[in-house]
Amino acid sequence: MDADGDRFDVVVIGAGPAGAAAALAARRAGAGVLLLDRAAFPRDKPCGDGIAPHALDVAAELGVTGLADGYAPVPALRLVGPGGGAVARPHARAAYTIPRTVFDRRLVDAAVRAGAVLRRHTVRRVEDRGDYAVLDGEIRAGAVVGADGAYSLVRKALGHAPNGPGHLALAIRGYAPAPGLPPEQRIVTTAAGWPAYAWAFPIGDGRANVGYGEVLRGRALTRAHLLDRLAALLPDVDTAAATELRAHHLPLSTHRPPPARGRLLLAGDALSLINPFTGEGIFYAVLSGALAGAAAAHGDSPAGRYRAALRDRLGRHLRHSRVAAALSSRRWIVDAAVRAADRHQRVFDDLIELGLGDGRLTARTLGSITLATAGASRRT
């Protein structure tokens, strides 16, 4: 970084989990880092607030611990299939529900402690000039990590449009009083508007993060529709008393742009890294941000380094999750998967790894789902 403060080895746009992880990884590689966000922290981000242990693992590799301090682990998950069947089993490793106002601020604070310069700034223009990039005509960067969300400016600068119908979901999230909810994360899928589901994730303070979302298919979804579906799928939660209701788009990983070119790299939602079935994005964000930040810290071929790292770390998983998304477009397959998971803890664990981490479609899971499908056919 130059003494005048206008030149940095790495500039990260967006200080959410992907951006903060990118800043941390770049600082660990010795780079001078500028971290930009249009909002002041702490700030809210509409989200389910579910934090899988995999995200905490990546943060620990970056030297960050204590992100879950003060929040009790949620030991179990209940999944309700579109046909009404359900499975409730313990996680192999407990997950957490941590409001993004807290989780994101803790990651940003860790990046600042590591030496990243945090600045509130709305970026309007990004140019790749070959040997360096320029932001708004005044900030020079050796590389830029775009961690700036579903409608990323960096993604636009690379010539890629946002996700469209079929690869974009719309969800609404709020916080509802739920003192009687058991200590489990609940996902309730529904045949109406398929694929669609509601969730209720207890925080541990008498409230739950609740929400409903469905994949956009070319027709507008109203706020009233989202709230009606939320209430219908969570009848034991006082969703009418929910506060901080905000809607947001989820760019699904079934349609991703190329992750990088030249001096510009994409991470998190900007790269459409949202699991197409569970809507999980925090693990993807922290991991892709860490990989992007490490690649950006190298002056030679940051895009090539990032593409290779992302392919090695997530390539196979993303191919499997795309296949799983295609299979789950058939409701009866999801119902069979729920039955198989209810019978076998190992199948449940495999599905959790695929939906919340970097797992794959294993032969035992596919076999168990096939058997569950055949069993249902015989009964009917």
Protein backbone atom coordinates (compact mmCIF):
# COMPACT_ATOMS: atom_id res chain seq x y z
CA MET A 1 0.00 0.00 0.00
CA ASP A 2 1.30 3.45 -0.86
CA ALA A 3 1.71 6.00 1.88
CA ASP A 4 -0.94 8.23 0.27
CA GLY A 5 -3.58 5.55 1.05
CA ASP A 6 -5.00 5.45 -2.49
CA ARG A 7 -3.17 2.33 -3.64
CA PHE A 8 -3.76 -1.07 -2.15
CA ASP A 9 -2.67 -4.55 -3.04
CA VAL A 10 -6.25 -5.77 -2.64
CA VAL A 11 -9.54 -3.91 -2.51
CA VAL A 12 -12.60 -5.82 -1.33
CA ILE A 13 -16.04 -4.46 -2.18
CA GLY A 14 -18.62 -5.60 0.36
CA ALA A 15 -17.83 -6.33 4.01
CA GLY A 16 -20.23 -9.21 4.60
CA PRO A 17 -18.91 -12.71 5.38
CA ALA A 18 -17.36 -13.17 1.91
CA GLY A 19 -15.71 -9.76 1.94
CA ALA A 20 -14.44 -9.96 5.51
CA ALA A 21 -13.03 -13.44 4.85
CA ALA A 22 -11.32 -12.15 1.70
CA ALA A 23 -9.77 -9.30 3.66
CA LEU A 24 -8.55 -11.68 6.38
CA ALA A 25 -7.01 -14.10 3.88
CA ALA A 26 -5.30 -11.32 1.94
CA ARG A 27 -3.87 -9.84 5.14
CA ARG A 28 -2.56 -13.27 6.19
CA ALA A 29 -0.72 -13.33 2.86
CA GLY A 30 0.85 -9.96 3.69
CA ALA A 31 -1.23 -7.77 1.36
CA GLY A 32 -2.36 -4.23 2.06
CA VAL A 33 -6.16 -4.41 2.08
CA LEU A 34 -8.93 -1.85 1.73
CA LEU A 35 -12.38 -3.15 2.72
CA LEU A 36 -15.29 -1.09 1.40
CA ASP A 37 -18.98 -1.21 2.27
CA ARG A 38 -21.81 1.21 1.68
CA ALA A 39 -23.23 0.55 5.17
CA ALA A 40 -21.89 1.24 8.63
CA PHE A 41 -21.49 -1.77 10.93
CA PRO A 42 -23.29 -3.26 12.72
CA ARG A 43 -25.89 -3.53 9.99
CA ASP A 44 -28.70 -5.98 9.35
CA LYS A 45 -28.76 -8.39 6.42
CA PRO A 46 -31.93 -10.37 5.63
CA CYS A 47 -30.94 -14.01 6.10
CA GLY A 48 -31.92 -17.16 7.94
CA ASP A 49 -28.99 -16.54 10.32
CA GLY A 50 -28.12 -20.24 10.26
CA ILE A 51 -24.40 -20.75 10.73
CA ALA A 52 -23.14 -24.23 9.89
CA PRO A 53 -20.00 -25.43 11.70
CA HIS A 54 -18.22 -25.55 8.34
CA ALA A 55 -18.21 -21.74 8.20
CA LEU A 56 -16.66 -21.57 11.66
CA ASP A 57 -14.00 -24.05 10.53
CA VAL A 58 -12.95 -21.75 7.68
CA ALA A 59 -12.92 -18.75 10.00
CA ALA A 60 -10.70 -20.65 12.43
CA GLU A 61 -8.28 -21.37 9.56
CA LEU A 62 -8.13 -17.60 9.09
CA GLY A 63 -7.29 -17.17 12.78
CA VAL A 64 -10.76 -16.06 13.87
CA THR A 65 -12.48 -17.70 16.82
CA GLY A 66 -15.30 -16.67 19.12
CA LEU A 67 -17.82 -15.92 16.36
CA ALA A 68 -20.47 -18.01 18.15
CA ASP A 69 -19.75 -16.75 21.67
CA GLY A 70 -22.95 -16.16 23.60
CA TYR A 71 -25.11 -18.31 21.32
CA ALA A 72 -26.10 -21.84 22.23
CA PRO A 73 -25.55 -24.53 19.61
CA VAL A 74 -28.69 -25.88 17.97
CA PRO A 75 -28.25 -29.66 18.12
CA ALA A 76 -30.89 -30.93 15.70
CA LEU A 77 -32.69 -30.34 12.43
CA ARG A 78 -36.27 -31.18 11.50
CA LEU A 79 -37.04 -31.45 7.78
CA VAL A 80 -40.63 -31.75 6.56
CA GLY A 81 -41.11 -33.03 3.01
CA PRO A 82 -43.65 -31.61 0.55
CA GLY A 83 -45.87 -34.66 1.15
CA GLY A 84 -45.92 -34.07 4.91
CA GLY A 85 -43.43 -36.73 6.01
CA ALA A 86 -40.75 -35.55 8.43
CA VAL A 87 -37.38 -36.43 9.84
CA ALA A 88 -35.86 -34.98 13.01
CA ARG A 89 -32.35 -36.03 13.93
CA PRO A 90 -29.31 -34.59 15.68
CA HIS A 91 -26.65 -32.88 13.64
CA ALA A 92 -23.32 -34.67 13.50
CA ARG A 93 -21.98 -31.26 14.55
CA ALA A 94 -24.31 -28.67 16.01
CA ALA A 95 -25.21 -25.57 14.01
CA TYR A 96 -25.92 -22.06 15.34
CA THR A 97 -28.41 -19.28 14.79
CA ILE A 98 -26.56 -15.98 15.04
CA PRO A 99 -28.15 -12.71 13.83
CA ARG A 100 -26.18 -11.20 10.99
CA THR A 101 -25.92 -7.92 12.88
CA VAL A 102 -23.68 -9.84 15.27
CA PHE A 103 -21.95 -12.39 13.03
CA ASP A 104 -20.99 -9.94 10.29
CA ARG A 105 -19.75 -7.32 12.74
CA ARG A 106 -17.54 -9.87 14.48
CA LEU A 107 -15.96 -10.92 11.18
CA VAL A 108 -15.44 -7.31 10.10
CA ASP A 109 -13.88 -6.45 13.46
CA ALA A 110 -11.52 -9.40 13.05
CA ALA A 111 -10.48 -8.16 9.60
CA VAL A 112 -9.77 -4.69 10.98
CA ARG A 113 -7.76 -6.13 13.86
CA ALA A 114 -5.77 -8.07 11.27
CA GLY A 115 -4.84 -4.80 9.58
CA ALA A 116 -7.48 -4.27 6.87
CA VAL A 117 -8.56 -0.65 6.35
CA LEU A 118 -12.36 -0.42 6.62
CA ARG A 119 -14.00 2.49 4.82
CA ARG A 120 -17.65 3.35 4.26
CA HIS A 121 -17.94 3.98 0.56
CA THR A 122 -20.37 3.17 -2.25
CA VAL A 123 -18.42 2.05 -5.31
CA ARG A 124 -19.86 3.32 -8.61
CA ARG A 125 -17.30 2.20 -11.18
CA VAL A 126 -14.68 -0.53 -11.50
CA GLU A 127 -12.12 -0.72 -14.31
CA ASP A 128 -9.60 -3.46 -15.01
CA ARG A 129 -6.61 -1.77 -16.67
CA GLY A 130 -4.50 -4.88 -17.08
CA ASP A 131 -1.73 -4.44 -14.54
CA TYR A 132 -4.08 -2.97 -11.94
CA ALA A 133 -7.71 -2.00 -11.35
CA VAL A 134 -9.20 1.41 -10.56
CA LEU A 135 -12.30 2.13 -8.49
CA ASP A 136 -14.24 5.37 -9.03
CA GLY A 137 -11.21 6.85 -10.77
CA GLU A 138 -9.37 7.35 -7.49
CA ILE A 139 -8.53 4.03 -5.77
CA ARG A 140 -5.92 1.80 -7.39
CA ALA A 141 -5.83 -1.92 -6.59
CA GLY A 142 -3.62 -4.81 -7.54
CA ALA A 143 -6.80 -6.94 -7.49
CA VAL A 144 -10.45 -6.44 -6.61
CA VAL A 145 -12.67 -8.96 -4.84
CA GLY A 146 -16.34 -8.38 -5.57
CA ALA A 147 -18.24 -9.57 -2.51
CA ASP A 148 -21.02 -7.11 -3.20
CA GLY A 149 -24.09 -9.31 -3.32
CA ALA A 150 -26.70 -10.57 -5.74
CA TYR A 151 -26.58 -7.42 -7.88
CA SER A 152 -22.81 -7.07 -7.81
CA LEU A 153 -21.17 -4.12 -9.53
CA VAL A 154 -18.02 -6.19 -10.06
CA ARG A 155 -20.06 -8.93 -11.70
CA LYS A 156 -21.58 -6.31 -14.00
CA ALA A 157 -18.10 -4.97 -14.81
CA LEU A 158 -17.16 -8.50 -15.88
CA GLY A 159 -20.11 -8.49 -18.29
CA HIS A 160 -22.37 -10.92 -16.44
CA ALA A 161 -26.05 -10.27 -15.74
CA PRO A 162 -27.69 -11.14 -12.40
CA ASN A 163 -29.44 -14.48 -12.09
CA GLY A 164 -32.83 -14.69 -13.74
CA PRO A 165 -36.00 -16.74 -13.21
CA GLY A 166 -35.40 -20.36 -12.30
CA HIS A 167 -32.05 -19.53 -10.72
CA LEU A 168 -33.17 -16.79 -8.33
CA ALA A 169 -35.28 -17.16 -5.18
CA LEU A 170 -37.16 -14.56 -3.19
CA ALA A 171 -37.48 -14.91 0.58
CA ILE A 172 -38.82 -12.88 3.48
CA ARG A 173 -37.31 -13.01 6.94
CA GLY A 174 -38.35 -11.78 10.37
CA TYR A 175 -37.93 -12.42 14.09
CA ALA A 176 -40.90 -13.94 15.91
CA PRO A 177 -41.54 -14.69 19.59
CA ALA A 178 -41.19 -18.47 19.93
CA PRO A 179 -40.45 -19.37 23.55
CA GLY A 180 -41.84 -22.90 23.21
CA LEU A 181 -39.89 -24.03 20.15
CA PRO A 182 -37.66 -27.07 20.70
CA PRO A 183 -33.91 -26.61 20.21
CA GLU A 184 -33.92 -27.61 16.56
CA GLN A 185 -33.74 -25.86 13.24
CA ARG A 186 -36.87 -26.51 11.23
CA ILE A 187 -37.29 -26.49 7.45
CA VAL A 188 -40.81 -27.10 6.11
CA THR A 189 -41.02 -27.66 2.38
CA THR A 190 -44.30 -27.34 0.53
CA ALA A 191 -45.74 -28.61 -2.73
CA ALA A 192 -47.38 -25.23 -3.35
CA GLY A 193 -45.04 -23.04 -5.38
CA TRP A 194 -42.46 -25.82 -5.45
CA PRO A 195 -39.58 -25.58 -4.77
CA ALA A 196 -40.45 -23.54 -1.70
CA TYR A 197 -40.06 -23.78 2.06
CA ALA A 198 -40.45 -22.00 5.38
CA TRP A 199 -37.97 -22.09 8.23
CA ALA A 200 -37.84 -21.47 11.96
CA PHE A 201 -34.40 -21.25 13.56
CA PRO A 202 -34.40 -20.59 17.33
CA ILE A 203 -31.87 -18.02 18.49
CA GLY A 204 -31.89 -18.98 22.16
CA ASP A 205 -33.43 -15.79 23.55
CA GLY A 206 -37.09 -16.70 23.19
CA ARG A 207 -37.18 -15.63 19.54
CA ALA A 208 -36.72 -17.45 16.27
CA ASN A 209 -35.55 -16.33 12.87
CA VAL A 210 -38.50 -17.24 10.65
CA GLY A 211 -38.97 -16.94 6.93
CA TYR A 212 -40.39 -18.25 3.71
CA GLY A 213 -38.95 -18.34 0.21
CA GLU A 214 -39.55 -19.82 -3.21
CA VAL A 215 -37.82 -19.90 -6.57
CA LEU A 216 -38.95 -17.19 -8.98
CA ARG A 217 -40.52 -18.56 -12.16
CA GLY A 218 -41.33 -15.40 -14.07
CA ARG A 219 -44.28 -14.19 -12.03
CA ALA A 220 -44.16 -11.55 -9.33
CA LEU A 221 -44.42 -12.67 -5.71
CA THR A 222 -46.08 -10.18 -3.40
CA ARG A 223 -45.21 -9.50 0.20
CA ALA A 224 -48.72 -10.64 1.16
CA HIS A 225 -48.16 -13.98 -0.59
CA LEU A 226 -44.86 -14.56 1.21
CA LEU A 227 -46.38 -13.74 4.60
CA ASP A 228 -49.45 -15.91 3.98
CA ARG A 229 -47.25 -18.90 3.13
CA LEU A 230 -45.06 -18.24 6.16
CA ALA A 231 -48.07 -18.31 8.48
CA ALA A 232 -49.53 -21.43 6.84
CA LEU A 233 -46.33 -23.47 7.11
CA LEU A 234 -45.46 -22.44 10.68
CA PRO A 235 -48.84 -22.62 12.46
CA ASP A 236 -47.28 -23.01 15.93
CA VAL A 237 -45.22 -19.82 15.60
CA ASP A 238 -46.76 -16.37 16.08
CA THR A 239 -45.58 -15.11 12.71
CA ALA A 240 -48.11 -12.26 12.87
CA ALA A 241 -45.99 -10.82 15.68
CA ALA A 242 -42.77 -11.06 13.67
CA THR A 243 -40.66 -7.92 13.50
CA GLU A 244 -37.91 -6.75 11.15
CA LEU A 245 -39.57 -8.40 8.18
CA ARG A 246 -37.43 -7.88 5.11
CA ALA A 247 -37.36 -9.59 1.72
CA HIS A 248 -34.22 -10.47 -0.22
CA HIS A 249 -33.11 -12.26 -3.36
CA LEU A 250 -31.05 -15.46 -3.32
CA PRO A 251 -28.93 -16.09 -6.44
CA LEU A 252 -28.75 -19.88 -6.63
CA SER A 253 -25.61 -21.80 -7.49
CA THR A 254 -27.38 -23.59 -10.36
CA HIS A 255 -26.37 -20.60 -12.52
CA ARG A 256 -22.95 -19.14 -11.77
CA PRO A 257 -20.85 -16.74 -13.84
CA PRO A 258 -17.13 -17.38 -14.38
CA PRO A 259 -15.55 -16.62 -10.99
CA ALA A 260 -12.80 -14.25 -12.15
CA ARG A 261 -11.05 -12.54 -15.01
CA GLY A 262 -7.92 -10.43 -14.97
CA ARG A 263 -7.82 -8.39 -11.76
CA LEU A 264 -11.48 -8.90 -10.83
CA LEU A 265 -12.72 -11.80 -8.67
CA LEU A 266 -16.21 -12.70 -7.41
CA ALA A 267 -17.13 -14.33 -4.10
CA GLY A 268 -20.24 -15.22 -2.13
CA ASP A 269 -23.61 -14.05 -3.46
CA ALA A 270 -21.88 -12.11 -6.23
CA LEU A 271 -20.81 -15.51 -7.59
CA SER A 272 -24.32 -16.97 -7.02
CA LEU A 273 -23.05 -19.24 -4.28
CA ILE A 274 -26.35 -20.10 -2.60
CA ASN A 275 -27.23 -23.75 -2.07
CA PRO A 276 -30.24 -24.37 -4.36
CA PHE A 277 -32.13 -26.58 -1.90
CA THR A 278 -31.37 -25.23 1.57
CA GLY A 279 -30.64 -21.59 0.72
CA GLU A 280 -27.40 -21.83 2.74
CA GLY A 281 -24.84 -19.23 1.74
CA ILE A 282 -22.67 -18.35 4.75
CA PHE A 283 -20.29 -21.28 4.42
CA TYR A 284 -19.95 -20.67 0.69
CA ALA A 285 -19.37 -16.97 1.36
CA VAL A 286 -16.64 -17.44 3.97
CA LEU A 287 -14.88 -20.16 1.97
CA SER A 288 -15.02 -18.43 -1.43
CA GLY A 289 -14.00 -15.14 0.17
CA ALA A 290 -10.99 -16.78 1.81
CA LEU A 291 -9.94 -18.38 -1.48
CA ALA A 292 -10.45 -15.13 -3.39
CA GLY A 293 -8.51 -13.07 -0.85
CA ALA A 294 -5.57 -15.46 -0.88
CA ALA A 295 -5.47 -15.45 -4.70
CA ALA A 296 -5.85 -11.68 -4.93
CA ALA A 297 -2.85 -11.17 -2.65
CA HIS A 298 -0.59 -12.63 -5.37
CA GLY A 299 0.33 -10.12 -8.04
CA ASP A 300 0.63 -12.71 -10.78
CA SER A 301 -2.54 -14.22 -12.26
CA PRO A 302 -4.96 -13.72 -9.36
CA ALA A 303 -7.89 -14.86 -11.52
CA GLY A 304 -6.18 -18.07 -12.56
CA ARG A 305 -5.14 -18.84 -8.99
CA TYR A 306 -8.68 -18.26 -7.75
CA ARG A 307 -10.34 -20.35 -10.43
CA ALA A 308 -8.01 -23.26 -9.65
CA ALA A 309 -8.50 -22.97 -5.88
CA LEU A 310 -12.27 -22.75 -6.18
CA ARG A 311 -12.38 -25.72 -8.53
CA ASP A 312 -10.21 -27.82 -6.22
CA ARG A 313 -12.15 -26.93 -3.08
CA LEU A 314 -15.77 -26.71 -4.25
CA GLY A 315 -15.94 -27.93 -7.85
CA ARG A 316 -17.09 -31.48 -7.20
CA HIS A 317 -19.52 -30.42 -4.49
CA LEU A 318 -21.14 -27.81 -6.74
CA ARG A 319 -21.59 -30.37 -9.49
CA HIS A 320 -23.27 -32.71 -7.02
CA SER A 321 -25.48 -29.96 -5.58
CA ARG A 322 -26.59 -29.07 -9.11
CA VAL A 323 -27.61 -32.69 -9.69
CA ALA A 324 -29.37 -32.71 -6.31
CA ALA A 325 -31.27 -29.56 -7.27
CA ALA A 326 -32.39 -31.17 -10.52
CA LEU A 327 -33.55 -34.27 -8.66
CA SER A 328 -35.33 -32.22 -6.00
CA SER A 329 -37.43 -30.51 -8.67
CA ARG A 330 -39.46 -33.75 -8.41
CA ARG A 331 -41.33 -33.60 -5.13
CA TRP A 332 -41.63 -37.36 -4.78
CA ILE A 333 -37.84 -37.66 -4.74
CA VAL A 334 -37.65 -35.21 -1.85
CA ASP A 335 -40.31 -37.15 0.01
CA ALA A 336 -38.30 -40.33 -0.56
CA ALA A 337 -35.14 -38.60 0.68
CA VAL A 338 -36.96 -37.57 3.87
CA ARG A 339 -38.12 -41.15 4.43
CA ALA A 340 -34.62 -42.49 3.84
CA ALA A 341 -33.11 -39.94 6.24
CA ASP A 342 -35.71 -40.87 8.86
CA ARG A 343 -34.58 -44.50 8.63
CA HIS A 344 -30.84 -43.98 8.52
CA GLN A 345 -28.71 -41.46 10.42
CA ARG A 346 -25.96 -41.84 7.81
CA VAL A 347 -28.30 -40.73 5.03
CA PHE A 348 -29.41 -37.78 7.16
CA ASP A 349 -25.77 -36.83 7.74
CA ASP A 350 -25.00 -37.07 4.01
CA LEU A 351 -27.92 -34.79 3.15
CA ILE A 352 -26.85 -32.26 5.79
CA GLU A 353 -23.31 -32.21 4.41
CA LEU A 354 -24.66 -31.66 0.91
CA GLY A 355 -27.08 -28.95 2.00
CA LEU A 356 -25.03 -27.04 4.58
CA GLY A 357 -21.42 -27.87 3.76
CA ASP A 358 -19.37 -29.25 0.89
CA GLY A 359 -20.73 -32.80 0.82
CA ARG A 360 -21.64 -34.97 -2.16
CA LEU A 361 -24.38 -37.28 -3.32
CA THR A 362 -23.08 -40.57 -2.01
CA ALA A 363 -23.93 -44.00 -3.38
CA ARG A 364 -25.50 -45.02 -0.07
CA THR A 365 -27.79 -41.98 -0.08
CA LEU A 366 -28.89 -42.49 -3.68
CA GLY A 367 -29.45 -46.20 -2.96
CA SER A 368 -31.47 -45.47 0.17
CA ILE A 369 -33.63 -42.90 -1.66
CA THR A 370 -34.23 -45.43 -4.45
CA LEU A 371 -35.31 -48.05 -1.92
CA ALA A 372 -37.58 -45.55 -0.17
CA THR A 373 -39.16 -44.67 -3.50
CA ALA A 374 -39.74 -48.33 -4.34
CA GLY A 375 -41.24 -48.98 -0.91
CA ALA A 376 -43.69 -46.12 -1.31
CA SER A 377 -44.70 -47.41 -4.74
CA ARG A 378 -45.45 -50.86 -3.34
CA ARG A 379 -47.59 -49.40 -0.58
CA THR A 380 -49.67 -47.46 -3.09
